[in-house]
Every structure is written in structure tokens, then in C-alpha cells.
Amino acid sequence: MLNCKEITELISLSCEQKLNFKQQLQLKVHLMMCPRCRGFKKNAQKVEQLMKELR
């Protein structure tokens, strides 16, 4: 099981490239159990969307 630091790194990586199956599974399992990382992912998605709108 990955810790929150590793998960936030995966979330950031997922904004740049497609995660492999194992990474996707680890991320989904962790996010089901961790509200803080779910919040981080939500914020990362908002930032990514804003960056796309600025281009």
C-alpha cells in the first residue's frame, strides 16, 4: 500500500501521462480510503483545467 506522499506523486504524474494498470489500481484503492488525497486530486484536476483554459 502506498502512503499519501507516494499517492500525491502519482496524482501529479497522472496529470502529465497515463498511469499503468498497477498505478491506477493503487491510486483508486488509496483514494477510497483517504479523504485528504481525494481533496488533493480534486484540487489538482481544477488546476489542470485552469491551465488548459489559459492556453
PDB file of N, CA and C in Angstrom:
ATOM      1  N   MET A   1       0.844  -1.178   0.000  1.00  0.00           N
ATOM      2  CA  MET A   1       0.000   0.000   0.000  1.00  0.00           C
ATOM      3  C   MET A   1       0.891   1.244   0.000  1.00  0.00           C
ATOM      4  N   LEU A   2       0.564   2.161  -0.865  1.00  0.00           N
ATOM      5  CA  LEU A   2       1.338   3.390  -0.957  1.00  0.00           C
ATOM      6  C   LEU A   2       0.895   4.383   0.114  1.00  0.00           C
ATOM      7  N   ASN A   3       1.838   5.227   0.550  1.00  0.00           N
ATOM      8  CA  ASN A   3       1.477   6.256   1.520  1.00  0.00           C
ATOM      9  C   ASN A   3       1.004   7.516   0.791  1.00  0.00           C
ATOM     10  N   CYS A   4       0.555   8.499   1.553  1.00  0.00           N
ATOM     11  CA  CYS A   4      -0.025   9.708   0.952  1.00  0.00           C
ATOM     12  C   CYS A   4       0.982  10.462   0.080  1.00  0.00           C
ATOM     13  N   LYS A   5       2.234  10.519   0.493  1.00  0.00           N
ATOM     14  CA  LYS A   5       3.249  11.215  -0.312  1.00  0.00           C
ATOM     15  C   LYS A   5       3.393  10.545  -1.679  1.00  0.00           C
ATOM     16  N   GLU A   6       3.449   9.230  -1.678  1.00  0.00           N
ATOM     17  CA  GLU A   6       3.569   8.498  -2.942  1.00  0.00           C
ATOM     18  C   GLU A   6       2.322   8.675  -3.806  1.00  0.00           C
ATOM     19  N   ILE A   7       1.168   8.732  -3.168  1.00  0.00           N
ATOM     20  CA  ILE A   7      -0.082   8.912  -3.911  1.00  0.00           C
ATOM     21  C   ILE A   7      -0.144  10.299  -4.530  1.00  0.00           C
ATOM     22  N   THR A   8       0.275  11.334  -3.791  1.00  0.00           N
ATOM     23  CA  THR A   8       0.256  12.679  -4.377  1.00  0.00           C
ATOM     24  C   THR A   8       1.206  12.763  -5.568  1.00  0.00           C
ATOM     25  N   GLU A   9       2.316  12.035  -5.505  1.00  0.00           N
ATOM     26  CA  GLU A   9       3.231  11.982  -6.654  1.00  0.00           C
ATOM     27  C   GLU A   9       2.551  11.299  -7.843  1.00  0.00           C
ATOM     28  N   LEU A  10       1.801  10.233  -7.579  1.00  0.00           N
ATOM     29  CA  LEU A  10       1.065   9.547  -8.649  1.00  0.00           C
ATOM     30  C   LEU A  10      -0.012  10.450  -9.245  1.00  0.00           C
ATOM     31  N   ILE A  11      -0.687  11.204  -8.389  1.00  0.00           N
ATOM     32  CA  ILE A  11      -1.720  12.124  -8.868  1.00  0.00           C
ATOM     33  C   ILE A  11      -1.093  13.159  -9.796  1.00  0.00           C
ATOM     34  N   SER A  12       0.035  13.713  -9.377  1.00  0.00           N
ATOM     35  CA  SER A  12       0.730  14.694 -10.219  1.00  0.00           C
ATOM     36  C   SER A  12       1.183  14.063 -11.528  1.00  0.00           C
ATOM     37  N   LEU A  13       1.702  12.859 -11.450  1.00  0.00           N
ATOM     38  CA  LEU A  13       2.141  12.153 -12.653  1.00  0.00           C
ATOM     39  C   LEU A  13       0.969  11.896 -13.590  1.00  0.00           C
ATOM     40  N   SER A  14      -0.188  11.589 -13.025  1.00  0.00           N
ATOM     41  CA  SER A  14      -1.362  11.284 -13.852  1.00  0.00           C
ATOM     42  C   SER A  14      -1.840  12.501 -14.643  1.00  0.00           C
ATOM     43  N   CYS A  15      -1.471  13.694 -14.191  1.00  0.00           N
ATOM     44  CA  CYS A  15      -1.815  14.909 -14.942  1.00  0.00           C
ATOM     45  C   CYS A  15      -0.948  15.044 -16.192  1.00  0.00           C
ATOM     46  N   GLU A  16       0.217  14.390 -16.178  1.00  0.00           N
ATOM     47  CA  GLU A  16       1.174  14.504 -17.278  1.00  0.00           C
ATOM     48  C   GLU A  16       1.142  13.318 -18.234  1.00  0.00           C
ATOM     49  N   GLN A  17       0.795  12.151 -17.721  1.00  0.00           N
ATOM     50  CA  GLN A  17       0.814  10.942 -18.552  1.00  0.00           C
ATOM     51  C   GLN A  17      -0.178   9.926 -18.015  1.00  0.00           C
ATOM     52  N   LYS A  18      -0.466   8.933 -18.830  1.00  0.00           N
ATOM     53  CA  LYS A  18      -1.383   7.864 -18.429  1.00  0.00           C
ATOM     54  C   LYS A  18      -0.646   6.912 -17.487  1.00  0.00           C
ATOM     55  N   LEU A  19      -1.290   6.590 -16.381  1.00  0.00           N
ATOM     56  CA  LEU A  19      -0.712   5.650 -15.428  1.00  0.00           C
ATOM     57  C   LEU A  19      -0.913   4.222 -15.919  1.00  0.00           C
ATOM     58  N   ASN A  20       0.017   3.335 -15.533  1.00  0.00           N
ATOM     59  CA  ASN A  20      -0.173   1.932 -15.886  1.00  0.00           C
ATOM     60  C   ASN A  20      -1.248   1.321 -14.979  1.00  0.00           C
ATOM     61  N   PHE A  21      -1.648   0.106 -15.283  1.00  0.00           N
ATOM     62  CA  PHE A  21      -2.752  -0.531 -14.563  1.00  0.00           C
ATOM     63  C   PHE A  21      -2.485  -0.613 -13.064  1.00  0.00           C
ATOM     64  N   LYS A  22      -1.277  -1.015 -12.681  1.00  0.00           N
ATOM     65  CA  LYS A  22      -0.939  -1.150 -11.258  1.00  0.00           C
ATOM     66  C   LYS A  22      -1.032   0.201 -10.555  1.00  0.00           C
ATOM     67  N   GLN A  23      -0.512   1.243 -11.178  1.00  0.00           N
ATOM     68  CA  GLN A  23      -0.572   2.582 -10.595  1.00  0.00           C
ATOM     69  C   GLN A  23      -2.016   3.048 -10.451  1.00  0.00           C
ATOM     70  N   GLN A  24      -2.827   2.804 -11.479  1.00  0.00           N
ATOM     71  CA  GLN A  24      -4.238   3.195 -11.425  1.00  0.00           C
ATOM     72  C   GLN A  24      -4.954   2.486 -10.279  1.00  0.00           C
ATOM     73  N   LEU A  25      -4.682   1.201 -10.122  1.00  0.00           N
ATOM     74  CA  LEU A  25      -5.309   0.417  -9.063  1.00  0.00           C
ATOM     75  C   LEU A  25      -4.882   0.918  -7.686  1.00  0.00           C
ATOM     76  N   GLN A  26      -3.577   1.154  -7.506  1.00  0.00           N
ATOM     77  CA  GLN A  26      -3.078   1.658  -6.230  1.00  0.00           C
ATOM     78  C   GLN A  26      -3.714   3.007  -5.897  1.00  0.00           C
ATOM     79  N   LEU A  27      -3.828   3.859  -6.893  1.00  0.00           N
ATOM     80  CA  LEU A  27      -4.421   5.176  -6.702  1.00  0.00           C
ATOM     81  C   LEU A  27      -5.890   5.054  -6.297  1.00  0.00           C
ATOM     82  N   LYS A  28      -6.651   4.251  -7.018  1.00  0.00           N
ATOM     83  CA  LYS A  28      -8.082   4.099  -6.722  1.00  0.00           C
ATOM     84  C   LYS A  28      -8.322   3.536  -5.325  1.00  0.00           C
ATOM     85  N   VAL A  29      -7.553   2.522  -4.946  1.00  0.00           N
ATOM     86  CA  VAL A  29      -7.724   1.911  -3.624  1.00  0.00           C
ATOM     87  C   VAL A  29      -7.418   2.934  -2.533  1.00  0.00           C
ATOM     88  N   HIS A  30      -6.324   3.663  -2.695  1.00  0.00           N
ATOM     89  CA  HIS A  30      -5.947   4.651  -1.688  1.00  0.00           C
ATOM     90  C   HIS A  30      -6.997   5.758  -1.594  1.00  0.00           C
ATOM     91  N   LEU A  31      -7.470   6.240  -2.743  1.00  0.00           N
ATOM     92  CA  LEU A  31      -8.445   7.332  -2.744  1.00  0.00           C
ATOM     93  C   LEU A  31      -9.763   6.930  -2.090  1.00  0.00           C
ATOM     94  N   MET A  32     -10.112   5.648  -2.154  1.00  0.00           N
ATOM     95  CA  MET A  32     -11.336   5.180  -1.498  1.00  0.00           C
ATOM     96  C   MET A  32     -11.244   5.341   0.014  1.00  0.00           C
ATOM     97  N   MET A  33     -10.023   5.284   0.542  1.00  0.00           N
ATOM     98  CA  MET A  33      -9.837   5.307   1.987  1.00  0.00           C
ATOM     99  C   MET A  33      -9.330   6.636   2.534  1.00  0.00           C
ATOM    100  N   CYS A  34      -8.879   7.541   1.688  1.00  0.00           N
ATOM    101  CA  CYS A  34      -8.181   8.728   2.181  1.00  0.00           C
ATOM    102  C   CYS A  34      -8.825  10.029   1.689  1.00  0.00           C
ATOM    103  N   PRO A  35      -9.561  10.700   2.553  1.00  0.00           N
ATOM    104  CA  PRO A  35     -10.211  11.946   2.142  1.00  0.00           C
ATOM    105  C   PRO A  35      -9.222  13.064   1.808  1.00  0.00           C
ATOM    106  N   ARG A  36      -8.080  13.096   2.462  1.00  0.00           N
ATOM    107  CA  ARG A  36      -7.094  14.144   2.172  1.00  0.00           C
ATOM    108  C   ARG A  36      -6.541  14.002   0.761  1.00  0.00           C
ATOM    109  N   CYS A  37      -6.257  12.796   0.348  1.00  0.00           N
ATOM    110  CA  CYS A  37      -5.741  12.583  -1.006  1.00  0.00           C
ATOM    111  C   CYS A  37      -6.833  12.802  -2.050  1.00  0.00           C
ATOM    112  N   ARG A  38      -8.075  12.474  -1.707  1.00  0.00           N
ATOM    113  CA  ARG A  38      -9.182  12.783  -2.622  1.00  0.00           C
ATOM    114  C   ARG A  38      -9.269  14.289  -2.839  1.00  0.00           C
ATOM    115  N   GLY A  39      -9.095  15.055  -1.767  1.00  0.00           N
ATOM    116  CA  GLY A  39      -9.099  16.512  -1.883  1.00  0.00           C
ATOM    117  C   GLY A  39      -7.942  17.012  -2.725  1.00  0.00           C
ATOM    118  N   PHE A  40      -6.765  16.417  -2.541  1.00  0.00           N
ATOM    119  CA  PHE A  40      -5.600  16.799  -3.337  1.00  0.00           C
ATOM    120  C   PHE A  40      -5.858  16.528  -4.813  1.00  0.00           C
ATOM    121  N   LYS A  41      -6.442  15.368  -5.114  1.00  0.00           N
ATOM    122  CA  LYS A  41      -6.724  15.013  -6.507  1.00  0.00           C
ATOM    123  C   LYS A  41      -7.727  15.984  -7.122  1.00  0.00           C
ATOM    124  N   LYS A  42      -8.744  16.327  -6.359  1.00  0.00           N
ATOM    125  CA  LYS A  42      -9.756  17.270  -6.845  1.00  0.00           C
ATOM    126  C   LYS A  42      -9.114  18.626  -7.156  1.00  0.00           C
ATOM    127  N   ASN A  43      -8.256  19.098  -6.268  1.00  0.00           N
ATOM    128  CA  ASN A  43      -7.569  20.374  -6.495  1.00  0.00           C
ATOM    129  C   ASN A  43      -6.619  20.297  -7.685  1.00  0.00           C
ATOM    130  N   ALA A  44      -5.920  19.187  -7.833  1.00  0.00           N
ATOM    131  CA  ALA A  44      -5.001  19.017  -8.962  1.00  0.00           C
ATOM    132  C   ALA A  44      -5.771  19.046 -10.278  1.00  0.00           C
ATOM    133  N   GLN A  45      -6.945  18.440 -10.292  1.00  0.00           N
ATOM    134  CA  GLN A  45      -7.769  18.451 -11.502  1.00  0.00           C
ATOM    135  C   GLN A  45      -8.250  19.867 -11.825  1.00  0.00           C
ATOM    136  N   LYS A  46      -8.588  20.638 -10.790  1.00  0.00           N
ATOM    137  CA  LYS A  46      -9.010  22.024 -11.006  1.00  0.00           C
ATOM    138  C   LYS A  46      -7.869  22.850 -11.593  1.00  0.00           C
ATOM    139  N   VAL A  47      -6.671  22.686 -11.048  1.00  0.00           N
ATOM    140  CA  VAL A  47      -5.500  23.414 -11.553  1.00  0.00           C
ATOM    141  C   VAL A  47      -5.226  23.023 -13.000  1.00  0.00           C
ATOM    142  N   GLU A  48      -5.298  21.723 -13.290  1.00  0.00           N
ATOM    143  CA  GLU A  48      -5.070  21.250 -14.658  1.00  0.00           C
ATOM    144  C   GLU A  48      -6.086  21.867 -15.622  1.00  0.00           C
ATOM    145  N   GLN A  49      -7.342  21.934 -15.215  1.00  0.00           N
ATOM    146  CA  GLN A  49      -8.381  22.514 -16.058  1.00  0.00           C
ATOM    147  C   GLN A  49      -8.126  24.001 -16.287  1.00  0.00           C
ATOM    148  N   LEU A  50      -7.752  24.725 -15.243  1.00  0.00           N
ATOM    149  CA  LEU A  50      -7.456  26.154 -15.381  1.00  0.00           C
ATOM    150  C   LEU A  50      -6.282  26.391 -16.322  1.00  0.00           C
ATOM    151  N   MET A  51      -5.275  25.538 -16.231  1.00  0.00           N
ATOM    152  CA  MET A  51      -4.109  25.671 -17.114  1.00  0.00           C
ATOM    153  C   MET A  51      -4.512  25.456 -18.569  1.00  0.00           C
ATOM    154  N   LYS A  52      -5.392  24.500 -18.813  1.00  0.00           N
ATOM    155  CA  LYS A  52      -5.866  24.246 -20.178  1.00  0.00           C
ATOM    156  C   LYS A  52      -6.637  25.443 -20.715  1.00  0.00           C
ATOM    157  N   GLU A  53      -7.428  26.070 -19.851  1.00  0.00           N
ATOM    158  CA  GLU A  53      -8.218  27.229 -20.269  1.00  0.00           C
ATOM    159  C   GLU A  53      -7.335  28.428 -20.599  1.00  0.00           C
ATOM    160  N   LEU A  54      -6.180  28.529 -19.962  1.00  0.00           N
ATOM    161  CA  LEU A  54      -5.273  29.653 -20.203  1.00  0.00           C
ATOM    162  C   LEU A  54      -4.478  29.505 -21.497  1.00  0.00           C
ATOM    163  N   ARG A  55      -4.414  28.319 -22.038  1.00  0.00           N
ATOM    164  CA  ARG A  55      -3.633  28.079 -23.267  1.00  0.00           C
ATOM    165  C   ARG A  55      -4.350  28.566 -24.478  1.00  0.00           C
TER     166      ARG A  55
END
